[in-house]
Amino acid sequence: MTRCLSRIANEAEKLYFGDKKHYFYIEFQCEFICDGEICHKCIKKKDTNVQGSRFFDHGLVTGAYTSKSHIFDSPWYHKSVKAYGIPSKDILEKAMEAQKKKRVVKRATVVKKAVVEDNSVKVLPLDKMVESMDEPIQVDSVLQITLRPLTHNGVAYWRDSDREKIYKRLPSGKMDYIGRWDGEGIQRGPPDSDDD
């Protein structure tokens, strides 16, 4: 699992052009962890004018900016510099530092999950590369989750009996969170607390 590659803006993080009236945004990267390139929250892009909305498409941190993005270094930004003036040195340094953080790859350790089946333990490593200039993550402890097979209404699941979470068993060996076990059946809908 890796960090979502979606480029996002924050309405509270505006920087001003030279005229000190018009503004642009600092570049951020989505914080969610996902199986693919884009998380389930960022994949739902819509036509919106709110730059700080997760629905606004700024592109991926590994690719080009979209034409409507008002993030530093985007095509819109370069065009606007001519109209509104070059930002101050301090503002440019802040914008470039935020952008640089998205360009350097470091190693981050993600929690490992264990699956118990037929009294044998299989550890699924989830170490992946993520983009960041932050200091490497220091792991203080590792949460080990023991999943046991559960068959309910003829369907095979994984059950985390400590937290009563139920996961769908996928042929790839991966799993999808389904809901919670209430002692008699699966309660679908409660969100996965690990996504917070």
N, C-alpha and C. Protein backbone atom coordinates (compact mmCIF):
# COMPACT_ATOMS: atom_id res chain seq x y z
N MET A 1 0.85 -1.18 0.00
CA MET A 1 0.00 0.00 0.00
C MET A 1 0.89 1.24 0.00
N THR A 2 0.50 2.26 -0.74
CA THR A 2 1.29 3.47 -0.85
C THR A 2 0.44 4.71 -0.60
N ARG A 3 1.12 5.81 -0.42
CA ARG A 3 0.42 7.08 -0.22
C ARG A 3 -0.20 7.54 -1.54
N CYS A 4 -1.41 8.05 -1.48
CA CYS A 4 -2.12 8.56 -2.65
C CYS A 4 -1.27 9.62 -3.35
N LEU A 5 -1.21 9.58 -4.68
CA LEU A 5 -0.38 10.50 -5.46
C LEU A 5 -1.14 11.75 -5.90
N SER A 6 -2.36 11.90 -5.46
CA SER A 6 -3.15 13.06 -5.88
C SER A 6 -2.58 14.36 -5.32
N ARG A 7 -2.43 15.35 -6.20
CA ARG A 7 -1.98 16.68 -5.80
C ARG A 7 -3.21 17.44 -5.32
N ILE A 8 -3.11 18.10 -4.17
CA ILE A 8 -4.25 18.84 -3.62
C ILE A 8 -3.81 20.22 -3.16
N ALA A 9 -4.79 21.09 -2.98
CA ALA A 9 -4.55 22.43 -2.46
C ALA A 9 -5.37 22.60 -1.19
N ASN A 10 -4.97 23.57 -0.38
CA ASN A 10 -5.66 23.86 0.87
C ASN A 10 -6.08 25.33 0.83
N GLU A 11 -7.37 25.58 1.00
CA GLU A 11 -7.88 26.96 0.93
C GLU A 11 -7.19 27.87 1.95
N ALA A 12 -6.71 27.32 3.04
CA ALA A 12 -6.07 28.12 4.08
C ALA A 12 -4.61 28.43 3.76
N GLU A 13 -4.05 27.79 2.75
CA GLU A 13 -2.64 27.96 2.40
C GLU A 13 -2.50 28.73 1.08
N LYS A 14 -2.85 30.01 1.11
CA LYS A 14 -2.75 30.87 -0.07
C LYS A 14 -1.50 31.74 0.06
N LEU A 15 -0.83 31.95 -1.05
CA LEU A 15 0.33 32.85 -1.11
C LEU A 15 0.04 33.93 -2.15
N TYR A 16 0.56 35.12 -1.92
CA TYR A 16 0.22 36.25 -2.78
C TYR A 16 1.27 36.57 -3.83
N PHE A 17 0.76 36.99 -4.99
CA PHE A 17 1.63 37.48 -6.06
C PHE A 17 2.21 38.84 -5.64
N GLY A 18 3.01 39.43 -6.50
CA GLY A 18 3.65 40.70 -6.21
C GLY A 18 2.69 41.84 -5.91
N ASP A 19 1.46 41.80 -6.46
CA ASP A 19 0.51 42.88 -6.20
C ASP A 19 -0.13 42.78 -4.82
N LYS A 20 0.19 41.70 -4.08
CA LYS A 20 -0.32 41.45 -2.72
C LYS A 20 -1.85 41.41 -2.64
N LYS A 21 -2.48 41.18 -3.79
CA LYS A 21 -3.93 41.12 -3.87
C LYS A 21 -4.40 39.77 -4.40
N HIS A 22 -3.79 39.33 -5.47
CA HIS A 22 -4.13 38.05 -6.09
C HIS A 22 -3.24 36.95 -5.51
N TYR A 23 -3.75 35.74 -5.49
CA TYR A 23 -3.04 34.66 -4.81
C TYR A 23 -3.03 33.36 -5.60
N PHE A 24 -2.17 32.46 -5.15
CA PHE A 24 -2.05 31.10 -5.68
C PHE A 24 -1.94 30.16 -4.48
N TYR A 25 -1.82 28.86 -4.73
CA TYR A 25 -1.83 27.88 -3.65
C TYR A 25 -0.52 27.11 -3.54
N ILE A 26 -0.25 26.63 -2.33
CA ILE A 26 0.89 25.74 -2.08
C ILE A 26 0.49 24.33 -2.51
N GLU A 27 1.45 23.58 -2.99
CA GLU A 27 1.19 22.20 -3.40
C GLU A 27 1.25 21.26 -2.20
N PHE A 28 0.24 20.42 -2.10
CA PHE A 28 0.20 19.35 -1.09
C PHE A 28 -0.05 18.03 -1.78
N GLN A 29 0.25 16.96 -1.06
CA GLN A 29 -0.05 15.61 -1.53
C GLN A 29 -1.04 15.00 -0.56
N CYS A 30 -2.02 14.29 -1.09
CA CYS A 30 -3.01 13.62 -0.25
C CYS A 30 -2.30 12.72 0.77
N GLU A 31 -2.84 12.65 1.97
CA GLU A 31 -2.22 11.89 3.06
C GLU A 31 -2.71 10.45 3.16
N PHE A 32 -3.76 10.09 2.40
CA PHE A 32 -4.36 8.76 2.54
C PHE A 32 -3.48 7.68 1.92
N ILE A 33 -3.55 6.48 2.48
CA ILE A 33 -2.83 5.32 1.98
C ILE A 33 -3.82 4.50 1.14
N CYS A 34 -3.34 3.98 0.00
CA CYS A 34 -4.24 3.22 -0.88
C CYS A 34 -3.48 2.11 -1.61
N ASP A 35 -4.24 1.26 -2.29
CA ASP A 35 -3.65 0.14 -3.04
C ASP A 35 -3.07 0.58 -4.38
N GLY A 36 -3.70 1.57 -5.02
CA GLY A 36 -3.24 2.03 -6.33
C GLY A 36 -2.56 3.38 -6.23
N GLU A 37 -2.69 4.18 -7.30
CA GLU A 37 -2.08 5.51 -7.31
C GLU A 37 -2.93 6.54 -6.58
N ILE A 38 -4.28 6.39 -6.65
CA ILE A 38 -5.19 7.39 -6.11
C ILE A 38 -6.15 6.73 -5.12
N CYS A 39 -6.36 7.39 -3.98
CA CYS A 39 -7.24 6.85 -2.94
C CYS A 39 -8.72 6.97 -3.34
N HIS A 40 -9.57 6.31 -2.57
CA HIS A 40 -11.01 6.30 -2.86
C HIS A 40 -11.66 7.68 -2.72
N LYS A 41 -11.04 8.60 -1.99
CA LYS A 41 -11.60 9.94 -1.83
C LYS A 41 -11.19 10.85 -2.98
N CYS A 42 -9.97 10.70 -3.48
CA CYS A 42 -9.47 11.59 -4.54
C CYS A 42 -9.90 11.14 -5.94
N ILE A 43 -10.34 9.91 -6.08
CA ILE A 43 -10.67 9.41 -7.42
C ILE A 43 -11.95 10.02 -7.96
N LYS A 44 -12.76 10.58 -7.07
CA LYS A 44 -14.07 11.13 -7.47
C LYS A 44 -13.95 12.62 -7.81
N LYS A 45 -13.24 12.95 -8.88
CA LYS A 45 -13.09 14.35 -9.30
C LYS A 45 -14.36 14.83 -9.98
N LYS A 46 -14.72 16.09 -9.71
CA LYS A 46 -15.91 16.68 -10.31
C LYS A 46 -15.53 18.05 -10.86
N ASP A 47 -16.45 18.64 -11.58
CA ASP A 47 -16.24 19.98 -12.11
C ASP A 47 -16.59 20.99 -11.02
N THR A 48 -15.58 21.50 -10.33
CA THR A 48 -15.77 22.48 -9.27
C THR A 48 -14.74 23.59 -9.42
N ASN A 49 -15.08 24.78 -8.96
CA ASN A 49 -14.15 25.91 -9.00
C ASN A 49 -13.40 26.08 -7.69
N VAL A 50 -13.71 25.28 -6.69
CA VAL A 50 -13.08 25.41 -5.37
C VAL A 50 -11.75 24.66 -5.40
N GLN A 51 -10.66 25.41 -5.49
CA GLN A 51 -9.33 24.82 -5.61
C GLN A 51 -8.99 23.91 -4.43
N GLY A 52 -9.47 24.23 -3.24
CA GLY A 52 -9.16 23.45 -2.05
C GLY A 52 -10.04 22.23 -1.87
N SER A 53 -10.97 21.99 -2.77
CA SER A 53 -11.84 20.82 -2.69
C SER A 53 -11.09 19.58 -3.16
N ARG A 54 -11.30 18.47 -2.50
CA ARG A 54 -10.68 17.21 -2.92
C ARG A 54 -11.20 16.79 -4.29
N PHE A 55 -12.36 17.33 -4.69
CA PHE A 55 -12.94 17.01 -6.00
C PHE A 55 -12.26 17.75 -7.15
N PHE A 56 -11.48 18.81 -6.83
CA PHE A 56 -10.81 19.58 -7.87
C PHE A 56 -9.60 18.79 -8.36
N ASP A 57 -9.43 18.69 -9.67
CA ASP A 57 -8.33 17.92 -10.25
C ASP A 57 -7.11 18.80 -10.50
N HIS A 58 -6.06 18.62 -9.68
CA HIS A 58 -4.79 19.33 -9.86
C HIS A 58 -3.76 18.44 -10.53
N GLY A 59 -4.11 17.18 -10.81
CA GLY A 59 -3.16 16.22 -11.37
C GLY A 59 -2.49 15.42 -10.26
N LEU A 60 -1.51 14.60 -10.64
CA LEU A 60 -0.76 13.79 -9.69
C LEU A 60 0.57 14.47 -9.38
N VAL A 61 1.11 14.25 -8.20
CA VAL A 61 2.40 14.86 -7.83
C VAL A 61 3.54 14.34 -8.70
N THR A 62 3.32 13.24 -9.39
CA THR A 62 4.34 12.67 -10.27
C THR A 62 4.20 13.14 -11.71
N GLY A 63 3.16 13.94 -12.00
CA GLY A 63 2.91 14.37 -13.37
C GLY A 63 2.68 15.86 -13.49
N ALA A 64 2.10 16.24 -14.62
CA ALA A 64 1.87 17.65 -14.93
C ALA A 64 0.67 18.22 -14.16
N TYR A 65 0.69 19.53 -14.00
CA TYR A 65 -0.46 20.23 -13.41
C TYR A 65 -1.56 20.31 -14.46
N THR A 66 -2.80 20.36 -14.00
CA THR A 66 -3.90 20.57 -14.94
C THR A 66 -3.94 22.05 -15.32
N SER A 67 -4.60 22.37 -16.42
CA SER A 67 -4.62 23.75 -16.91
C SER A 67 -5.39 24.69 -15.99
N LYS A 68 -6.32 24.17 -15.19
CA LYS A 68 -7.12 25.02 -14.30
C LYS A 68 -6.54 25.15 -12.90
N SER A 69 -5.49 24.39 -12.59
CA SER A 69 -4.89 24.41 -11.26
C SER A 69 -4.24 25.76 -10.97
N HIS A 70 -4.49 26.29 -9.77
CA HIS A 70 -3.89 27.56 -9.34
C HIS A 70 -2.74 27.32 -8.35
N ILE A 71 -2.13 26.15 -8.43
CA ILE A 71 -1.01 25.81 -7.56
C ILE A 71 0.28 26.39 -8.15
N PHE A 72 1.21 26.74 -7.27
CA PHE A 72 2.52 27.26 -7.68
C PHE A 72 3.14 26.39 -8.77
N ASP A 73 3.68 27.03 -9.80
CA ASP A 73 4.39 26.40 -10.91
C ASP A 73 3.45 25.80 -11.97
N SER A 74 2.15 25.92 -11.78
CA SER A 74 1.20 25.43 -12.79
C SER A 74 1.20 26.39 -13.98
N PRO A 75 0.66 25.98 -15.14
CA PRO A 75 0.58 26.90 -16.28
C PRO A 75 -0.18 28.19 -15.91
N TRP A 76 -1.25 28.07 -15.12
CA TRP A 76 -2.02 29.24 -14.70
C TRP A 76 -1.14 30.18 -13.87
N TYR A 77 -0.32 29.61 -12.98
CA TYR A 77 0.56 30.41 -12.14
C TYR A 77 1.51 31.26 -13.00
N HIS A 78 2.17 30.63 -13.96
CA HIS A 78 3.15 31.34 -14.80
C HIS A 78 2.49 32.45 -15.62
N LYS A 79 1.28 32.20 -16.09
CA LYS A 79 0.55 33.23 -16.82
C LYS A 79 0.17 34.38 -15.88
N SER A 80 -0.20 34.05 -14.65
CA SER A 80 -0.64 35.06 -13.68
C SER A 80 0.50 35.92 -13.16
N VAL A 81 1.73 35.39 -13.13
CA VAL A 81 2.89 36.17 -12.69
C VAL A 81 3.02 37.42 -13.57
N LYS A 82 2.78 37.25 -14.87
CA LYS A 82 2.88 38.39 -15.79
C LYS A 82 1.84 39.46 -15.47
N ALA A 83 0.66 39.01 -15.04
CA ALA A 83 -0.43 39.96 -14.77
C ALA A 83 -0.36 40.56 -13.36
N TYR A 84 0.05 39.75 -12.36
CA TYR A 84 -0.02 40.19 -10.96
C TYR A 84 1.33 40.43 -10.29
N GLY A 85 2.40 40.17 -10.97
CA GLY A 85 3.73 40.44 -10.42
C GLY A 85 4.37 39.24 -9.74
N ILE A 86 5.69 39.23 -9.71
CA ILE A 86 6.45 38.13 -9.10
C ILE A 86 6.28 38.20 -7.58
N PRO A 87 5.99 37.06 -6.95
CA PRO A 87 5.87 37.03 -5.48
C PRO A 87 7.20 37.40 -4.82
N SER A 88 7.13 37.80 -3.56
CA SER A 88 8.35 38.14 -2.82
C SER A 88 9.24 36.91 -2.68
N LYS A 89 10.52 37.15 -2.35
CA LYS A 89 11.49 36.07 -2.19
C LYS A 89 11.04 35.06 -1.13
N ASP A 90 10.53 35.54 0.02
CA ASP A 90 10.07 34.65 1.09
C ASP A 90 8.93 33.76 0.63
N ILE A 91 8.00 34.33 -0.09
CA ILE A 91 6.85 33.57 -0.59
C ILE A 91 7.30 32.52 -1.60
N LEU A 92 8.20 32.91 -2.50
CA LEU A 92 8.72 31.95 -3.48
C LEU A 92 9.44 30.80 -2.80
N GLU A 93 10.24 31.08 -1.79
CA GLU A 93 10.96 30.03 -1.06
C GLU A 93 9.98 29.06 -0.40
N LYS A 94 8.93 29.60 0.19
CA LYS A 94 7.92 28.75 0.84
C LYS A 94 7.22 27.85 -0.17
N ALA A 95 6.87 28.41 -1.33
CA ALA A 95 6.20 27.63 -2.38
C ALA A 95 7.12 26.57 -2.96
N MET A 96 8.40 26.92 -3.17
CA MET A 96 9.36 25.96 -3.73
C MET A 96 9.67 24.84 -2.74
N GLU A 97 9.72 25.16 -1.46
CA GLU A 97 9.97 24.14 -0.44
C GLU A 97 8.84 23.12 -0.41
N ALA A 98 7.60 23.61 -0.47
CA ALA A 98 6.43 22.71 -0.48
C ALA A 98 6.46 21.82 -1.72
N GLN A 99 6.82 22.39 -2.84
CA GLN A 99 6.88 21.62 -4.09
C GLN A 99 8.00 20.58 -4.03
N LYS A 100 9.14 20.96 -3.48
CA LYS A 100 10.30 20.06 -3.40
C LYS A 100 9.99 18.84 -2.54
N LYS A 101 9.18 19.01 -1.51
CA LYS A 101 8.84 17.88 -0.64
C LYS A 101 8.14 16.77 -1.40
N LYS A 102 7.49 17.10 -2.50
CA LYS A 102 6.76 16.10 -3.28
C LYS A 102 7.64 15.42 -4.33
N ARG A 103 8.88 15.89 -4.48
CA ARG A 103 9.74 15.39 -5.55
C ARG A 103 10.78 14.37 -5.10
N VAL A 104 11.00 14.23 -3.79
CA VAL A 104 12.03 13.34 -3.27
C VAL A 104 11.37 12.10 -2.67
N VAL A 105 11.87 10.94 -3.02
CA VAL A 105 11.29 9.69 -2.53
C VAL A 105 12.10 9.19 -1.34
N LYS A 106 11.41 8.88 -0.23
CA LYS A 106 12.04 8.24 0.93
C LYS A 106 11.28 7.00 1.29
N ARG A 107 11.86 6.18 2.15
CA ARG A 107 11.25 4.92 2.56
C ARG A 107 10.40 5.15 3.80
N ALA A 108 9.21 4.60 3.82
CA ALA A 108 8.35 4.69 5.00
C ALA A 108 7.87 3.29 5.34
N THR A 109 7.75 3.00 6.60
CA THR A 109 7.30 1.68 7.03
C THR A 109 5.84 1.75 7.40
N VAL A 110 5.06 0.86 6.83
CA VAL A 110 3.64 0.79 7.13
C VAL A 110 3.42 -0.48 7.94
N VAL A 111 2.43 -0.46 8.80
CA VAL A 111 2.13 -1.60 9.67
C VAL A 111 1.97 -2.88 8.87
N LYS A 112 2.43 -3.97 9.40
CA LYS A 112 2.28 -5.26 8.75
C LYS A 112 1.10 -6.00 9.38
N LYS A 113 0.40 -6.78 8.57
CA LYS A 113 -0.73 -7.56 9.06
C LYS A 113 -0.38 -9.04 8.95
N ALA A 114 -0.85 -9.80 9.89
CA ALA A 114 -0.61 -11.24 9.87
C ALA A 114 -1.93 -11.96 9.63
N VAL A 115 -1.86 -13.05 8.88
CA VAL A 115 -3.04 -13.86 8.61
C VAL A 115 -2.77 -15.24 9.17
N VAL A 116 -3.70 -15.73 9.99
CA VAL A 116 -3.54 -17.06 10.57
C VAL A 116 -4.52 -18.00 9.89
N GLU A 117 -4.00 -19.07 9.33
CA GLU A 117 -4.86 -20.07 8.69
C GLU A 117 -4.22 -21.43 8.91
N ASP A 118 -4.99 -22.33 9.42
CA ASP A 118 -4.50 -23.69 9.69
C ASP A 118 -3.26 -23.67 10.58
N ASN A 119 -3.29 -22.83 11.62
CA ASN A 119 -2.23 -22.72 12.62
C ASN A 119 -0.89 -22.22 12.07
N SER A 120 -0.86 -21.75 10.82
CA SER A 120 0.38 -21.18 10.30
C SER A 120 0.17 -19.68 10.13
N VAL A 121 1.21 -18.93 10.40
CA VAL A 121 1.11 -17.47 10.30
C VAL A 121 1.78 -17.01 9.02
N LYS A 122 1.06 -16.19 8.26
CA LYS A 122 1.60 -15.62 7.03
C LYS A 122 1.65 -14.12 7.25
N VAL A 123 2.83 -13.53 7.14
CA VAL A 123 2.98 -12.08 7.33
C VAL A 123 2.94 -11.43 5.96
N LEU A 124 2.08 -10.42 5.83
CA LEU A 124 1.97 -9.68 4.59
C LEU A 124 2.74 -8.37 4.72
N PRO A 125 3.93 -8.25 4.14
CA PRO A 125 4.68 -7.00 4.27
C PRO A 125 4.01 -5.91 3.44
N LEU A 126 3.94 -4.72 4.03
CA LEU A 126 3.31 -3.59 3.35
C LEU A 126 4.27 -2.42 3.20
N ASP A 127 5.58 -2.69 3.22
CA ASP A 127 6.55 -1.61 3.04
C ASP A 127 6.51 -1.15 1.58
N LYS A 128 6.40 0.16 1.38
CA LYS A 128 6.36 0.71 0.03
C LYS A 128 7.09 2.04 0.00
N MET A 129 7.34 2.55 -1.20
CA MET A 129 7.97 3.85 -1.37
C MET A 129 6.88 4.91 -1.39
N VAL A 130 7.14 6.02 -0.70
CA VAL A 130 6.23 7.16 -0.75
C VAL A 130 7.06 8.42 -0.97
N GLU A 131 6.43 9.45 -1.52
CA GLU A 131 7.14 10.69 -1.78
C GLU A 131 7.06 11.60 -0.57
N SER A 132 8.24 12.06 -0.11
CA SER A 132 8.27 12.99 1.01
C SER A 132 9.70 13.43 1.26
N MET A 133 9.85 14.66 1.76
CA MET A 133 11.17 15.11 2.21
C MET A 133 11.21 15.14 3.72
N ASP A 134 10.12 14.71 4.35
CA ASP A 134 10.08 14.67 5.80
C ASP A 134 11.07 13.63 6.30
N GLU A 135 11.39 13.72 7.57
CA GLU A 135 12.27 12.72 8.17
C GLU A 135 11.60 11.35 8.07
N PRO A 136 12.38 10.28 7.93
CA PRO A 136 11.78 8.95 7.86
C PRO A 136 10.92 8.68 9.10
N ILE A 137 9.87 7.94 8.90
CA ILE A 137 8.96 7.63 10.00
C ILE A 137 9.66 6.73 10.99
N GLN A 138 9.59 7.08 12.26
CA GLN A 138 10.15 6.25 13.32
C GLN A 138 9.03 5.34 13.82
N VAL A 139 9.24 4.05 13.75
CA VAL A 139 8.22 3.10 14.18
C VAL A 139 8.45 2.79 15.65
N ASP A 140 7.49 3.17 16.50
CA ASP A 140 7.59 2.90 17.93
C ASP A 140 7.06 1.51 18.25
N SER A 141 6.04 1.10 17.55
CA SER A 141 5.48 -0.22 17.78
C SER A 141 4.78 -0.68 16.51
N VAL A 142 4.62 -1.97 16.40
CA VAL A 142 3.94 -2.56 15.25
C VAL A 142 2.69 -3.26 15.76
N LEU A 143 1.57 -2.91 15.17
CA LEU A 143 0.30 -3.53 15.53
C LEU A 143 0.15 -4.79 14.70
N GLN A 144 0.06 -5.92 15.35
CA GLN A 144 -0.13 -7.17 14.63
C GLN A 144 -1.59 -7.56 14.74
N ILE A 145 -2.22 -7.73 13.59
CA ILE A 145 -3.63 -8.09 13.54
C ILE A 145 -3.73 -9.55 13.11
N THR A 146 -4.39 -10.34 13.90
CA THR A 146 -4.55 -11.75 13.58
C THR A 146 -5.92 -11.95 12.92
N LEU A 147 -5.89 -12.44 11.70
CA LEU A 147 -7.11 -12.69 10.95
C LEU A 147 -7.33 -14.19 10.86
N ARG A 148 -8.55 -14.58 11.15
CA ARG A 148 -8.89 -16.01 11.07
C ARG A 148 -9.99 -16.20 10.02
N PRO A 149 -9.99 -17.34 9.35
CA PRO A 149 -11.02 -17.58 8.34
C PRO A 149 -12.41 -17.65 8.98
N LEU A 150 -13.39 -17.13 8.29
CA LEU A 150 -14.78 -17.17 8.73
C LEU A 150 -15.64 -17.42 7.49
N THR A 151 -16.55 -18.38 7.57
CA THR A 151 -17.50 -18.61 6.50
C THR A 151 -18.88 -18.26 7.02
N HIS A 152 -19.54 -17.34 6.34
CA HIS A 152 -20.88 -16.89 6.75
C HIS A 152 -21.78 -16.90 5.52
N ASN A 153 -22.90 -17.62 5.61
CA ASN A 153 -23.83 -17.76 4.48
C ASN A 153 -23.13 -18.25 3.21
N GLY A 154 -22.17 -19.16 3.40
CA GLY A 154 -21.47 -19.77 2.28
C GLY A 154 -20.38 -18.91 1.65
N VAL A 155 -20.08 -17.75 2.25
CA VAL A 155 -19.06 -16.85 1.70
C VAL A 155 -17.86 -16.83 2.65
N ALA A 156 -16.64 -16.89 2.08
CA ALA A 156 -15.42 -16.91 2.89
C ALA A 156 -14.96 -15.48 3.18
N TYR A 157 -14.68 -15.22 4.46
CA TYR A 157 -14.20 -13.91 4.92
C TYR A 157 -12.98 -14.11 5.81
N TRP A 158 -12.31 -12.99 6.14
CA TRP A 158 -11.32 -12.95 7.20
C TRP A 158 -11.95 -12.20 8.36
N ARG A 159 -11.70 -12.66 9.58
CA ARG A 159 -12.28 -12.02 10.76
C ARG A 159 -11.16 -11.60 11.72
N ASP A 160 -11.15 -10.32 12.08
CA ASP A 160 -10.27 -9.80 13.13
C ASP A 160 -11.09 -9.87 14.41
N SER A 161 -10.92 -10.94 15.19
CA SER A 161 -11.77 -11.15 16.36
C SER A 161 -11.48 -10.19 17.50
N ASP A 162 -10.30 -9.55 17.51
CA ASP A 162 -10.01 -8.56 18.55
C ASP A 162 -10.86 -7.31 18.38
N ARG A 163 -11.05 -6.88 17.13
CA ARG A 163 -11.80 -5.66 16.86
C ARG A 163 -13.11 -5.93 16.13
N GLU A 164 -13.41 -7.22 15.89
CA GLU A 164 -14.63 -7.67 15.23
C GLU A 164 -14.81 -7.07 13.83
N LYS A 165 -13.71 -6.94 13.12
CA LYS A 165 -13.77 -6.45 11.74
C LYS A 165 -13.82 -7.64 10.79
N ILE A 166 -14.55 -7.46 9.70
CA ILE A 166 -14.70 -8.50 8.69
C ILE A 166 -14.14 -7.98 7.36
N TYR A 167 -13.32 -8.83 6.71
CA TYR A 167 -12.71 -8.49 5.43
C TYR A 167 -13.08 -9.54 4.39
N LYS A 168 -13.33 -9.10 3.17
CA LYS A 168 -13.62 -10.01 2.07
C LYS A 168 -12.31 -10.66 1.63
N ARG A 169 -12.33 -11.96 1.44
CA ARG A 169 -11.14 -12.67 0.98
C ARG A 169 -11.07 -12.58 -0.54
N LEU A 170 -9.99 -12.03 -1.05
CA LEU A 170 -9.80 -11.87 -2.49
C LEU A 170 -8.80 -12.89 -3.00
N PRO A 171 -8.95 -13.34 -4.24
CA PRO A 171 -8.03 -14.35 -4.79
C PRO A 171 -6.57 -13.89 -4.79
N SER A 172 -6.34 -12.59 -4.89
CA SER A 172 -4.98 -12.06 -4.95
C SER A 172 -4.25 -12.17 -3.61
N GLY A 173 -4.97 -12.55 -2.55
CA GLY A 173 -4.37 -12.59 -1.23
C GLY A 173 -4.63 -11.31 -0.46
N LYS A 174 -5.13 -10.30 -1.15
CA LYS A 174 -5.46 -9.05 -0.49
C LYS A 174 -6.85 -9.18 0.12
N MET A 175 -7.27 -8.12 0.80
CA MET A 175 -8.59 -8.16 1.41
C MET A 175 -9.22 -6.78 1.40
N ASP A 176 -10.54 -6.75 1.38
CA ASP A 176 -11.30 -5.50 1.43
C ASP A 176 -12.13 -5.49 2.71
N TYR A 177 -12.12 -4.36 3.42
CA TYR A 177 -12.93 -4.20 4.62
C TYR A 177 -14.40 -4.22 4.23
N ILE A 178 -15.21 -5.02 4.95
CA ILE A 178 -16.64 -5.15 4.66
C ILE A 178 -17.49 -4.48 5.74
N GLY A 179 -17.20 -4.78 6.99
CA GLY A 179 -18.01 -4.27 8.10
C GLY A 179 -17.57 -4.91 9.40
N ARG A 180 -18.51 -5.02 10.33
CA ARG A 180 -18.20 -5.57 11.66
C ARG A 180 -19.08 -6.77 11.96
N TRP A 181 -18.54 -7.70 12.72
CA TRP A 181 -19.25 -8.90 13.15
C TRP A 181 -19.98 -8.59 14.45
N ASP A 182 -21.30 -8.86 14.50
CA ASP A 182 -22.08 -8.55 15.70
C ASP A 182 -22.43 -9.80 16.51
N GLY A 183 -21.80 -10.91 16.17
CA GLY A 183 -22.05 -12.16 16.89
C GLY A 183 -22.98 -13.09 16.12
N GLU A 184 -23.82 -12.51 15.26
CA GLU A 184 -24.76 -13.31 14.47
C GLU A 184 -24.59 -13.09 12.97
N GLY A 185 -24.12 -11.92 12.60
CA GLY A 185 -23.98 -11.60 11.19
C GLY A 185 -23.07 -10.41 10.99
N ILE A 186 -22.94 -9.99 9.74
CA ILE A 186 -22.07 -8.87 9.38
C ILE A 186 -22.89 -7.59 9.29
N GLN A 187 -22.46 -6.60 10.04
CA GLN A 187 -23.09 -5.27 9.98
C GLN A 187 -22.29 -4.44 8.98
N ARG A 188 -22.86 -4.27 7.80
CA ARG A 188 -22.16 -3.50 6.77
C ARG A 188 -22.37 -2.01 7.00
N GLY A 189 -21.41 -1.23 6.60
CA GLY A 189 -21.58 0.22 6.67
C GLY A 189 -20.70 0.94 7.65
N PRO A 190 -20.48 0.42 8.88
CA PRO A 190 -19.60 1.19 9.77
C PRO A 190 -18.24 1.38 9.09
N PRO A 191 -17.73 2.61 9.01
CA PRO A 191 -16.44 2.82 8.33
C PRO A 191 -15.30 2.13 9.04
N ASP A 192 -14.27 1.83 8.28
CA ASP A 192 -13.06 1.21 8.83
C ASP A 192 -12.28 2.25 9.62
N SER A 193 -12.12 2.05 10.90
CA SER A 193 -11.41 3.01 11.75
C SER A 193 -9.95 3.16 11.36
N ASP A 194 -9.39 2.19 10.64
CA ASP A 194 -8.00 2.28 10.17
C ASP A 194 -7.84 3.28 9.03
N ASP A 195 -8.93 3.74 8.42
CA ASP A 195 -8.86 4.72 7.34
C ASP A 195 -8.74 6.13 7.85
N ASP A 196 -8.92 6.37 9.15
CA ASP A 196 -8.86 7.71 9.72
C ASP A 196 -7.45 8.25 9.71
